Amino acid sequence: ALQKLAELLPETVKRLKKDGSEESISLKEVNEGDDLVVR
C-alpha cells in the first residue's frame, strides 16, 4: 500500500522560471513556494 501511494505522484514536473518559461525537474527537486504547471 505504501509503495502504491508513493507511485501516485509523477516523476517529473513542469516548474515556471522567473522569465515565464517552463523547465522539467524531478519531483524531489520541488520546494515550497515553487510555481508549477499542471495540464
Full PDB file with SEQRES, HELIX, SHEET, SSBOND, CRYST1, ORIGX, SCALE, CONECT and MASTER records, all heavy atoms in Angstrom:
SEQRES   1 A   39  ALA LEU GLN LYS LEU ALA GLU LEU LEU PRO GLU THR VAL          
SEQRES   2 A   39  LYS ARG LEU LYS LYS ASP GLY SER GLU GLU SER ILE SER          
SEQRES   3 A   39  LEU LYS GLU VAL ASN GLU GLY ASP ASP LEU VAL VAL ARG          
HELIX    1 AA1 LEU A    2  ALA A    6  1                                   5    
HELIX    2 AA2 LEU A   27  GLU A   29  5                                   3    
SHEET    1 AA1 3 GLU A  22  SER A  26  0                                        
SHEET    2 AA1 3 THR A  12  LEU A  16 -1                                        
SHEET    3 AA1 3 LEU A  36  VAL A  37 -1                                        
CRYST1    1.000    1.000    1.000  90.00  90.00  90.00 P 1           1          
ORIGX1      1.000000  0.000000  0.000000        0.00000                         
ORIGX2      0.000000  1.000000  0.000000        0.00000                         
ORIGX3      0.000000  0.000000  1.000000        0.00000                         
SCALE1      1.000000  0.000000  0.000000        0.00000                         
SCALE2      0.000000  1.000000  0.000000        0.00000                         
SCALE3      0.000000  0.000000  1.000000        0.00000                         
ATOM      1  N   ALA A   1       0.818  -1.213   0.000  1.00  0.00           N  
ATOM      2  CA  ALA A   1       0.000   0.000   0.000  1.00  0.00           C  
ATOM      3  C   ALA A   1       0.849   1.259   0.000  1.00  0.00           C  
ATOM      4  O   ALA A   1       0.568   2.219  -0.716  1.00  0.00           O  
ATOM      5  CB  ALA A   1      -0.933  -0.005   1.216  1.00  0.00           C  
ATOM      6  N   LEU A   2       1.897   1.275   0.802  1.00  0.00           N  
ATOM      7  CA  LEU A   2       2.709   2.478   0.915  1.00  0.00           C  
ATOM      8  C   LEU A   2       3.485   2.740  -0.369  1.00  0.00           C  
ATOM      9  O   LEU A   2       3.643   3.878  -0.794  1.00  0.00           O  
ATOM     10  CB  LEU A   2       3.662   2.337   2.105  1.00  0.00           C  
ATOM     11  CG  LEU A   2       2.950   2.045   3.430  1.00  0.00           C  
ATOM     12  CD1 LEU A   2       3.956   1.809   4.541  1.00  0.00           C  
ATOM     13  CD2 LEU A   2       2.017   3.172   3.798  1.00  0.00           C  
ATOM     14  N   GLN A   3       3.960   1.678  -1.003  1.00  0.00           N  
ATOM     15  CA  GLN A   3       4.644   1.832  -2.284  1.00  0.00           C  
ATOM     16  C   GLN A   3       3.681   2.394  -3.334  1.00  0.00           C  
ATOM     17  O   GLN A   3       4.021   3.299  -4.093  1.00  0.00           O  
ATOM     18  CB  GLN A   3       5.169   0.477  -2.739  1.00  0.00           C  
ATOM     19  CG  GLN A   3       5.768   0.476  -4.152  1.00  0.00           C  
ATOM     20  CD  GLN A   3       7.101   1.167  -4.209  1.00  0.00           C  
ATOM     21  OE1 GLN A   3       7.945   0.951  -3.366  1.00  0.00           O  
ATOM     22  NE2 GLN A   3       7.299   2.014  -5.192  1.00  0.00           N  
ATOM     23  N   LYS A   4       2.448   1.858  -3.348  1.00  0.00           N  
ATOM     24  CA  LYS A   4       1.474   2.302  -4.346  1.00  0.00           C  
ATOM     25  C   LYS A   4       1.101   3.760  -4.127  1.00  0.00           C  
ATOM     26  O   LYS A   4       0.862   4.508  -5.077  1.00  0.00           O  
ATOM     27  CB  LYS A   4       0.216   1.423  -4.253  1.00  0.00           C  
ATOM     28  CG  LYS A   4       0.467  -0.058  -4.540  1.00  0.00           C  
ATOM     29  CD  LYS A   4       0.559  -0.326  -6.015  1.00  0.00           C  
ATOM     30  CE  LYS A   4       0.882  -1.791  -6.298  1.00  0.00           C  
ATOM     31  NZ  LYS A   4      -0.066  -2.737  -5.755  1.00  0.00           N  
ATOM     32  N   LEU A   5       1.015   4.176  -2.881  1.00  0.00           N  
ATOM     33  CA  LEU A   5       0.722   5.586  -2.606  1.00  0.00           C  
ATOM     34  C   LEU A   5       1.810   6.483  -3.169  1.00  0.00           C  
ATOM     35  O   LEU A   5       1.535   7.527  -3.764  1.00  0.00           O  
ATOM     36  CB  LEU A   5       0.585   5.802  -1.096  1.00  0.00           C  
ATOM     37  CG  LEU A   5      -0.775   5.499  -0.487  1.00  0.00           C  
ATOM     38  CD1 LEU A   5      -0.667   5.432   1.028  1.00  0.00           C  
ATOM     39  CD2 LEU A   5      -1.798   6.537  -0.891  1.00  0.00           C  
ATOM     40  N   ALA A   6       3.047   6.080  -2.978  1.00  0.00           N  
ATOM     41  CA  ALA A   6       4.164   6.881  -3.472  1.00  0.00           C  
ATOM     42  C   ALA A   6       4.129   6.989  -4.987  1.00  0.00           C  
ATOM     43  O   ALA A   6       4.477   8.021  -5.563  1.00  0.00           O  
ATOM     44  CB  ALA A   6       5.484   6.267  -3.020  1.00  0.00           C  
ATOM     45  N   GLU A   7       3.666   5.924  -5.645  1.00  0.00           N  
ATOM     46  CA  GLU A   7       3.658   5.904  -7.101  1.00  0.00           C  
ATOM     47  C   GLU A   7       2.552   6.757  -7.707  1.00  0.00           C  
ATOM     48  O   GLU A   7       2.496   6.931  -8.922  1.00  0.00           O  
ATOM     49  CB  GLU A   7       3.515   4.457  -7.592  1.00  0.00           C  
ATOM     50  CG  GLU A   7       4.757   3.617  -7.315  1.00  0.00           C  
ATOM     51  CD  GLU A   7       4.561   2.149  -7.624  1.00  0.00           C  
ATOM     52  OE1 GLU A   7       3.415   1.766  -7.944  1.00  0.00           O  
ATOM     53  OE2 GLU A   7       5.542   1.392  -7.538  1.00  0.00           O  
ATOM     54  N   LEU A   8       1.657   7.288  -6.873  1.00  0.00           N  
ATOM     55  CA  LEU A   8       0.596   8.157  -7.400  1.00  0.00           C  
ATOM     56  C   LEU A   8       1.149   9.468  -7.953  1.00  0.00           C  
ATOM     57  O   LEU A   8       0.502  10.121  -8.760  1.00  0.00           O  
ATOM     58  CB  LEU A   8      -0.421   8.478  -6.298  1.00  0.00           C  
ATOM     59  CG  LEU A   8      -1.448   7.403  -5.975  1.00  0.00           C  
ATOM     60  CD1 LEU A   8      -2.310   7.854  -4.818  1.00  0.00           C  
ATOM     61  CD2 LEU A   8      -2.315   7.087  -7.179  1.00  0.00           C  
ATOM     62  N   LEU A   9       2.301   9.851  -7.477  1.00  0.00           N  
ATOM     63  CA  LEU A   9       2.864  11.136  -7.880  1.00  0.00           C  
ATOM     64  C   LEU A   9       3.776  10.968  -9.084  1.00  0.00           C  
ATOM     65  O   LEU A   9       4.473   9.970  -9.212  1.00  0.00           O  
ATOM     66  CB  LEU A   9       3.638  11.755  -6.712  1.00  0.00           C  
ATOM     67  CG  LEU A   9       2.827  11.951  -5.435  1.00  0.00           C  
ATOM     68  CD1 LEU A   9       3.713  12.517  -4.337  1.00  0.00           C  
ATOM     69  CD2 LEU A   9       1.649  12.873  -5.680  1.00  0.00           C  
ATOM     70  N   PRO A  10       3.796  11.942  -9.993  1.00  0.00           N  
ATOM     71  CA  PRO A  10       4.640  11.845 -11.200  1.00  0.00           C  
ATOM     72  C   PRO A  10       6.120  11.964 -10.860  1.00  0.00           C  
ATOM     73  O   PRO A  10       6.496  12.523  -9.832  1.00  0.00           O  
ATOM     74  CB  PRO A  10       4.165  13.031 -12.044  1.00  0.00           C  
ATOM     75  CG  PRO A  10       3.671  14.021 -11.046  1.00  0.00           C  
ATOM     76  CD  PRO A  10       3.041  13.209  -9.946  1.00  0.00           C  
ATOM     77  N   GLU A  11       6.953  11.443 -11.737  1.00  0.00           N  
ATOM     78  CA  GLU A  11       8.399  11.513 -11.506  1.00  0.00           C  
ATOM     79  C   GLU A  11       8.943  12.904 -11.797  1.00  0.00           C  
ATOM     80  O   GLU A  11       9.841  13.390 -11.121  1.00  0.00           O  
ATOM     81  CB  GLU A  11       9.118  10.482 -12.381  1.00  0.00           C  
ATOM     82  CG  GLU A  11       8.893   9.049 -11.941  1.00  0.00           C  
ATOM     83  CD  GLU A  11       9.788   8.088 -12.700  1.00  0.00           C  
ATOM     84  OE1 GLU A  11      10.911   8.485 -13.053  1.00  0.00           O  
ATOM     85  OE2 GLU A  11       9.359   6.964 -12.947  1.00  0.00           O  
ATOM     86  N   THR A  12       8.415  13.543 -12.848  1.00  0.00           N  
ATOM     87  CA  THR A  12       8.894  14.880 -13.224  1.00  0.00           C  
ATOM     88  C   THR A  12       7.735  15.866 -13.260  1.00  0.00           C  
ATOM     89  O   THR A  12       6.575  15.473 -13.444  1.00  0.00           O  
ATOM     90  CB  THR A  12       9.573  14.854 -14.602  1.00  0.00           C  
ATOM     91  OG1 THR A  12       8.639  14.379 -15.589  1.00  0.00           O  
ATOM     92  CG2 THR A  12      10.786  13.943 -14.589  1.00  0.00           C  
ATOM     93  N   VAL A  13       8.058  17.135 -13.078  1.00  0.00           N  
ATOM     94  CA  VAL A  13       7.046  18.191 -13.097  1.00  0.00           C  
ATOM     95  C   VAL A  13       7.560  19.363 -13.930  1.00  0.00           C  
ATOM     96  O   VAL A  13       8.756  19.457 -14.237  1.00  0.00           O  
ATOM     97  CB  VAL A  13       6.719  18.681 -11.667  1.00  0.00           C  
ATOM     98  CG1 VAL A  13       6.146  17.564 -10.836  1.00  0.00           C  
ATOM     99  CG2 VAL A  13       7.968  19.250 -10.993  1.00  0.00           C  
ATOM    100  N   LYS A  14       6.628  20.245 -14.293  1.00  0.00           N  
ATOM    101  CA  LYS A  14       6.976  21.455 -15.032  1.00  0.00           C  
ATOM    102  C   LYS A  14       6.994  22.635 -14.067  1.00  0.00           C  
ATOM    103  O   LYS A  14       5.960  22.986 -13.481  1.00  0.00           O  
ATOM    104  CB  LYS A  14       5.953  21.712 -16.143  1.00  0.00           C  
ATOM    105  CG  LYS A  14       5.896  20.637 -17.218  1.00  0.00           C  
ATOM    106  CD  LYS A  14       7.139  20.652 -18.096  1.00  0.00           C  
ATOM    107  CE  LYS A  14       7.010  19.644 -19.240  1.00  0.00           C  
ATOM    108  NZ  LYS A  14       8.232  19.611 -20.070  1.00  0.00           N  
ATOM    109  N   ARG A  15       8.178  23.229 -13.888  1.00  0.00           N  
ATOM    110  CA  ARG A  15       8.301  24.374 -12.990  1.00  0.00           C  
ATOM    111  C   ARG A  15       8.443  25.657 -13.812  1.00  0.00           C  
ATOM    112  O   ARG A  15       9.142  25.690 -14.820  1.00  0.00           O  
ATOM    113  CB  ARG A  15       9.514  24.203 -12.071  1.00  0.00           C  
ATOM    114  CG  ARG A  15       9.678  25.349 -11.069  1.00  0.00           C  
ATOM    115  CD  ARG A  15      10.682  25.019  -9.981  1.00  0.00           C  
ATOM    116  NE  ARG A  15      12.029  24.846 -10.510  1.00  0.00           N  
ATOM    117  CZ  ARG A  15      13.072  24.464  -9.760  1.00  0.00           C  
ATOM    118  NH1 ARG A  15      12.888  24.201  -8.468  1.00  0.00           N  
ATOM    119  NH2 ARG A  15      14.262  24.306 -10.304  1.00  0.00           N  
ATOM    120  N   LEU A  16       7.770  26.709 -13.345  1.00  0.00           N  
ATOM    121  CA  LEU A  16       7.841  28.007 -14.021  1.00  0.00           C  
ATOM    122  C   LEU A  16       9.081  28.769 -13.564  1.00  0.00           C  
ATOM    123  O   LEU A  16       9.332  28.903 -12.359  1.00  0.00           O  
ATOM    124  CB  LEU A  16       6.587  28.829 -13.707  1.00  0.00           C  
ATOM    125  CG  LEU A  16       5.312  28.477 -14.483  1.00  0.00           C  
ATOM    126  CD1 LEU A  16       4.141  29.273 -13.938  1.00  0.00           C  
ATOM    127  CD2 LEU A  16       5.482  28.751 -15.966  1.00  0.00           C  
ATOM    128  N   LYS A  17       9.842  29.255 -14.526  1.00  0.00           N  
ATOM    129  CA  LYS A  17      11.013  30.075 -14.201  1.00  0.00           C  
ATOM    130  C   LYS A  17      10.591  31.536 -14.102  1.00  0.00           C  
ATOM    131  O   LYS A  17       9.468  31.905 -14.453  1.00  0.00           O  
ATOM    132  CB  LYS A  17      12.080  29.887 -15.284  1.00  0.00           C  
ATOM    133  CG  LYS A  17      12.555  28.435 -15.379  1.00  0.00           C  
ATOM    134  CD  LYS A  17      13.346  28.166 -16.644  1.00  0.00           C  
ATOM    135  CE  LYS A  17      14.735  28.762 -16.569  1.00  0.00           C  
ATOM    136  NZ  LYS A  17      15.552  28.379 -17.768  1.00  0.00           N  
ATOM    137  N   LYS A  18      11.466  32.360 -13.614  1.00  0.00           N  
ATOM    138  CA  LYS A  18      11.141  33.777 -13.415  1.00  0.00           C  
ATOM    139  C   LYS A  18      10.793  34.485 -14.718  1.00  0.00           C  
ATOM    140  O   LYS A  18      10.006  35.425 -14.737  1.00  0.00           O  
ATOM    141  CB  LYS A  18      12.309  34.484 -12.725  1.00  0.00           C  
ATOM    142  CG  LYS A  18      12.482  34.071 -11.270  1.00  0.00           C  
ATOM    143  CD  LYS A  18      13.597  34.851 -10.591  1.00  0.00           C  
ATOM    144  CE  LYS A  18      13.740  34.432  -9.126  1.00  0.00           C  
ATOM    145  NZ  LYS A  18      14.825  35.187  -8.440  1.00  0.00           N  
ATOM    146  N   ASP A  19      11.376  34.014 -15.844  1.00  0.00           N  
ATOM    147  CA  ASP A  19      11.091  34.661 -17.127  1.00  0.00           C  
ATOM    148  C   ASP A  19       9.815  34.134 -17.773  1.00  0.00           C  
ATOM    149  O   ASP A  19       9.477  34.492 -18.901  1.00  0.00           O  
ATOM    150  CB  ASP A  19      12.273  34.483 -18.084  1.00  0.00           C  
ATOM    151  CG  ASP A  19      12.565  33.001 -18.360  1.00  0.00           C  
ATOM    152  OD1 ASP A  19      11.791  32.135 -17.892  1.00  0.00           O  
ATOM    153  OD2 ASP A  19      13.574  32.713 -19.044  1.00  0.00           O  
ATOM    154  N   GLY A  20       9.099  33.257 -17.069  1.00  0.00           N  
ATOM    155  CA  GLY A  20       7.832  32.739 -17.577  1.00  0.00           C  
ATOM    156  C   GLY A  20       7.950  31.443 -18.348  1.00  0.00           C  
ATOM    157  O   GLY A  20       6.935  30.821 -18.678  1.00  0.00           O  
ATOM    158  N   SER A  21       9.164  31.005 -18.643  1.00  0.00           N  
ATOM    159  CA  SER A  21       9.344  29.747 -19.366  1.00  0.00           C  
ATOM    160  C   SER A  21       9.228  28.561 -18.403  1.00  0.00           C  
ATOM    161  O   SER A  21       9.243  28.727 -17.184  1.00  0.00           O  
ATOM    162  CB  SER A  21      10.709  29.728 -20.055  1.00  0.00           C  
ATOM    163  OG  SER A  21      11.750  29.834 -19.093  1.00  0.00           O  
ATOM    164  N   GLU A  22       9.131  27.370 -18.983  1.00  0.00           N  
ATOM    165  CA  GLU A  22       8.972  26.157 -18.180  1.00  0.00           C  
ATOM    166  C   GLU A  22      10.240  25.322 -18.221  1.00  0.00           C  
ATOM    167  O   GLU A  22      10.976  25.332 -19.208  1.00  0.00           O  
ATOM    168  CB  GLU A  22       7.805  25.309 -18.709  1.00  0.00           C  
ATOM    169  CG  GLU A  22       6.463  26.002 -18.652  1.00  0.00           C  
ATOM    170  CD  GLU A  22       5.358  25.143 -19.267  1.00  0.00           C  
ATOM    171  OE1 GLU A  22       5.613  23.945 -19.516  1.00  0.00           O  
ATOM    172  OE2 GLU A  22       4.273  25.674 -19.516  1.00  0.00           O  
ATOM    173  N   GLU A  23      10.490  24.592 -17.135  1.00  0.00           N  
ATOM    174  CA  GLU A  23      11.597  23.647 -17.090  1.00  0.00           C  
ATOM    175  C   GLU A  23      11.126  22.358 -16.437  1.00  0.00           C  
ATOM    176  O   GLU A  23      10.308  22.365 -15.516  1.00  0.00           O  
ATOM    177  CB  GLU A  23      12.777  24.234 -16.315  1.00  0.00           C  
ATOM    178  CG  GLU A  23      12.469  24.561 -14.860  1.00  0.00           C  
ATOM    179  CD  GLU A  23      13.704  25.034 -14.102  1.00  0.00           C  
ATOM    180  OE1 GLU A  23      14.817  24.800 -14.586  1.00  0.00           O  
ATOM    181  OE2 GLU A  23      13.526  25.635 -13.014  1.00  0.00           O  
ATOM    182  N   SER A  24      11.612  21.244 -16.958  1.00  0.00           N  
ATOM    183  CA  SER A  24      11.264  19.941 -16.386  1.00  0.00           C  
ATOM    184  C   SER A  24      12.253  19.598 -15.278  1.00  0.00           C  
ATOM    185  O   SER A  24      13.462  19.632 -15.497  1.00  0.00           O  
ATOM    186  CB  SER A  24      11.300  18.854 -17.462  1.00  0.00           C  
ATOM    187  OG  SER A  24      10.254  19.030 -18.375  1.00  0.00           O  
ATOM    188  N   ILE A  25      11.726  19.264 -14.105  1.00  0.00           N  
ATOM    189  CA  ILE A  25      12.587  18.887 -12.983  1.00  0.00           C  
ATOM    190  C   ILE A  25      12.019  17.641 -12.309  1.00  0.00           C  
ATOM    191  O   ILE A  25      10.853  17.287 -12.491  1.00  0.00           O  
ATOM    192  CB  ILE A  25      12.703  20.024 -11.940  1.00  0.00           C  
ATOM    193  CG1 ILE A  25      11.324  20.341 -11.343  1.00  0.00           C  
ATOM    194  CG2 ILE A  25      13.358  21.253 -12.541  1.00  0.00           C  
ATOM    195  CD1 ILE A  25      11.389  21.281 -10.148  1.00  0.00           C  
ATOM    196  N   SER A  26      12.864  16.990 -11.541  1.00  0.00           N  
ATOM    197  CA  SER A  26      12.419  15.832 -10.776  1.00  0.00           C  
ATOM    198  C   SER A  26      11.552  16.307  -9.615  1.00  0.00           C  
ATOM    199  O   SER A  26      11.751  17.397  -9.080  1.00  0.00           O  
ATOM    200  CB  SER A  26      13.625  15.067 -10.243  1.00  0.00           C  
ATOM    201  OG  SER A  26      13.222  14.093  -9.298  1.00  0.00           O  
ATOM    202  N   LEU A  27      10.606  15.477  -9.219  1.00  0.00           N  
ATOM    203  CA  LEU A  27       9.722  15.848  -8.121  1.00  0.00           C  
ATOM    204  C   LEU A  27      10.494  16.124  -6.836  1.00  0.00           C  
ATOM    205  O   LEU A  27      10.113  16.981  -6.045  1.00  0.00           O  
ATOM    206  CB  LEU A  27       8.688  14.737  -7.886  1.00  0.00           C  
ATOM    207  CG  LEU A  27       7.637  14.990  -6.815  1.00  0.00           C  
ATOM    208  CD1 LEU A  27       6.800  16.208  -7.130  1.00  0.00           C  
ATOM    209  CD2 LEU A  27       6.740  13.775  -6.626  1.00  0.00           C  
ATOM    210  N   LYS A  28      11.611  15.414  -6.642  1.00  0.00           N  
ATOM    211  CA  LYS A  28      12.376  15.608  -5.412  1.00  0.00           C  
ATOM    212  C   LYS A  28      13.052  16.971  -5.353  1.00  0.00           C  
ATOM    213  O   LYS A  28      13.501  17.406  -4.297  1.00  0.00           O  
ATOM    214  CB  LYS A  28      13.419  14.499  -5.256  1.00  0.00           C  
ATOM    215  CG  LYS A  28      14.510  14.490  -6.296  1.00  0.00           C  
ATOM    216  CD  LYS A  28      15.448  13.310  -6.078  1.00  0.00           C  
ATOM    217  CE  LYS A  28      16.528  13.254  -7.149  1.00  0.00           C  
ATOM    218  NZ  LYS A  28      17.415  12.096  -6.976  1.00  0.00           N  
ATOM    219  N   GLU A  29      13.120  17.665  -6.498  1.00  0.00           N  
ATOM    220  CA  GLU A  29      13.733  18.992  -6.526  1.00  0.00           C  
ATOM    221  C   GLU A  29      12.735  20.107  -6.212  1.00  0.00           C  
ATOM    222  O   GLU A  29      13.114  21.266  -6.085  1.00  0.00           O  
ATOM    223  CB  GLU A  29      14.358  19.258  -7.902  1.00  0.00           C  
ATOM    224  CG  GLU A  29      15.474  18.294  -8.277  1.00  0.00           C  
ATOM    225  CD  GLU A  29      16.015  18.565  -9.665  1.00  0.00           C  
ATOM    226  OE1 GLU A  29      16.498  19.694  -9.900  1.00  0.00           O  
ATOM    227  OE2 GLU A  29      15.936  17.661 -10.521  1.00  0.00           O  
ATOM    228  N   VAL A  30      11.462  19.740  -6.102  1.00  0.00           N  
ATOM    229  CA  VAL A  30      10.424  20.747  -5.857  1.00  0.00           C  
ATOM    230  C   VAL A  30      10.510  21.250  -4.423  1.00  0.00           C  
ATOM    231  O   VAL A  30      10.637  20.463  -3.475  1.00  0.00           O  
ATOM    232  CB  VAL A  30       9.023  20.157  -6.131  1.00  0.00           C  
ATOM    233  CG1 VAL A  30       7.929  21.138  -5.710  1.00  0.00           C  
ATOM    234  CG2 VAL A  30       8.878  19.811  -7.601  1.00  0.00           C  
ATOM    235  N   ASN A  31      10.391  22.548  -4.258  1.00  0.00           N  
ATOM    236  CA  ASN A  31      10.418  23.170  -2.936  1.00  0.00           C  
ATOM    237  C   ASN A  31       9.141  23.959  -2.697  1.00  0.00           C  
ATOM    238  O   ASN A  31       8.424  24.309  -3.648  1.00  0.00           O  
ATOM    239  CB  ASN A  31      11.623  24.119  -2.812  1.00  0.00           C  
ATOM    240  CG  ASN A  31      12.943  23.396  -2.952  1.00  0.00           C  
ATOM    241  OD1 ASN A  31      13.173  22.381  -2.309  1.00  0.00           O  
ATOM    242  ND2 ASN A  31      13.821  23.910  -3.811  1.00  0.00           N  
ATOM    243  N   GLU A  32       8.864  24.228  -1.444  1.00  0.00           N  
ATOM    244  CA  GLU A  32       7.714  25.069  -1.112  1.00  0.00           C  
ATOM    245  C   GLU A  32       7.885  26.432  -1.770  1.00  0.00           C  
ATOM    246  O   GLU A  32       8.979  26.996  -1.786  1.00  0.00           O  
ATOM    247  CB  GLU A  32       7.598  25.237   0.396  1.00  0.00           C  
ATOM    248  CG  GLU A  32       7.314  23.948   1.132  1.00  0.00           C  
ATOM    249  CD  GLU A  32       7.545  24.104   2.622  1.00  0.00           C  
ATOM    250  OE1 GLU A  32       7.312  25.227   3.115  1.00  0.00           O  
ATOM    251  OE2 GLU A  32       7.964  23.140   3.272  1.00  0.00           O  
ATOM    252  N   GLY A  33       6.785  26.943  -2.309  1.00  0.00           N  
ATOM    253  CA  GLY A  33       6.826  28.249  -2.946  1.00  0.00           C  
ATOM    254  C   GLY A  33       7.095  28.191  -4.436  1.00  0.00           C  
ATOM    255  O   GLY A  33       6.911  29.199  -5.144  1.00  0.00           O  
ATOM    256  N   ASP A  34       7.503  27.018  -4.968  1.00  0.00           N  
ATOM    257  CA  ASP A  34       7.704  26.888  -6.410  1.00  0.00           C  
ATOM    258  C   ASP A  34       6.373  26.984  -7.134  1.00  0.00           C  
ATOM    259  O   ASP A  34       5.327  26.568  -6.606  1.00  0.00           O  
ATOM    260  CB  ASP A  34       8.363  25.545  -6.745  1.00  0.00           C  
ATOM    261  CG  ASP A  34       9.844  25.517  -6.423  1.00  0.00           C  
ATOM    262  OD1 ASP A  34      10.390  26.598  -6.104  1.00  0.00           O  
ATOM    263  OD2 ASP A  34      10.448  24.435  -6.490  1.00  0.00           O  
ATOM    264  N   ASP A  35       6.412  27.517  -8.354  1.00  0.00           N  
ATOM    265  CA  ASP A  35       5.222  27.582  -9.197  1.00  0.00           C  
ATOM    266  C   ASP A  35       5.311  26.482 -10.250  1.00  0.00           C  
ATOM    267  O   ASP A  35       6.304  26.387 -10.985  1.00  0.00           O  
ATOM    268  CB  ASP A  35       5.101  28.947  -9.878  1.00  0.00           C  
ATOM    269  CG  ASP A  35       4.845  30.070  -8.877  1.00  0.00           C  
ATOM    270  OD1 ASP A  35       4.349  29.757  -7.774  1.00  0.00           O  
ATOM    271  OD2 ASP A  35       5.131  31.245  -9.195  1.00  0.00           O  
ATOM    272  N   LEU A  36       4.283  25.646 -10.310  1.00  0.00           N  
ATOM    273  CA  LEU A  36       4.263  24.515 -11.240  1.00  0.00           C  
ATOM    274  C   LEU A  36       3.108  24.641 -12.222  1.00  0.00           C  
ATOM    275  O   LEU A  36       2.084  25.250 -11.909  1.00  0.00           O  
ATOM    276  CB  LEU A  36       4.131  23.194 -10.477  1.00  0.00           C  
ATOM    277  CG  LEU A  36       5.123  22.923  -9.339  1.00  0.00           C  
ATOM    278  CD1 LEU A  36       4.805  21.580  -8.688  1.00  0.00           C  
ATOM    279  CD2 LEU A  36       6.555  22.954  -9.843  1.00  0.00           C  
ATOM    280  N   VAL A  37       3.282  24.034 -13.391  1.00  0.00           N  
ATOM    281  CA  VAL A  37       2.224  23.987 -14.398  1.00  0.00           C  
ATOM    282  C   VAL A  37       1.654  22.575 -14.415  1.00  0.00           C  
ATOM    283  O   VAL A  37       2.395  21.595 -14.513  1.00  0.00           O  
ATOM    284  CB  VAL A  37       2.763  24.349 -15.797  1.00  0.00           C  
ATOM    285  CG1 VAL A  37       1.655  24.222 -16.844  1.00  0.00           C  
ATOM    286  CG2 VAL A  37       3.334  25.759 -15.801  1.00  0.00           C  
ATOM    287  N   VAL A  38       0.321  22.472 -14.329  1.00  0.00           N  
ATOM    288  CA  VAL A  38      -0.346  21.171 -14.372  1.00  0.00           C  
ATOM    289  C   VAL A  38      -1.358  21.204 -15.510  1.00  0.00           C  
ATOM    290  O   VAL A  38      -2.311  21.990 -15.478  1.00  0.00           O  
ATOM    291  CB  VAL A  38      -1.057  20.838 -13.047  1.00  0.00           C  
ATOM    292  CG1 VAL A  38      -1.613  19.419 -13.091  1.00  0.00           C  
ATOM    293  CG2 VAL A  38      -0.111  20.999 -11.859  1.00  0.00           C  
ATOM    294  N   ARG A  39      -1.148  20.382 -16.504  1.00  0.00           N  
ATOM    295  CA  ARG A  39      -2.022  20.380 -17.682  1.00  0.00           C  
ATOM    296  C   ARG A  39      -3.206  19.435 -17.496  1.00  0.00           C  
ATOM    297  O   ARG A  39      -3.213  18.582 -16.615  1.00  0.00           O  
ATOM    298  CB  ARG A  39      -1.219  20.009 -18.931  1.00  0.00           C  
ATOM    299  CG  ARG A  39      -0.221  21.092 -19.312  1.00  0.00           C  
ATOM    300  CD  ARG A  39       0.481  20.810 -20.633  1.00  0.00           C  
ATOM    301  NE  ARG A  39       1.164  22.022 -21.083  1.00  0.00           N  
ATOM    302  CZ  ARG A  39       2.335  22.438 -20.628  1.00  0.00           C  
ATOM    303  NH1 ARG A  39       2.949  21.742 -19.707  1.00  0.00           N  
ATOM    304  NH2 ARG A  39       2.884  23.545 -21.081  1.00  0.00           N  
TER     305      ARG A  39                                                      
MASTER        0    0    0    2    3    0    0    6  304    1    0    3          
END                                                                             
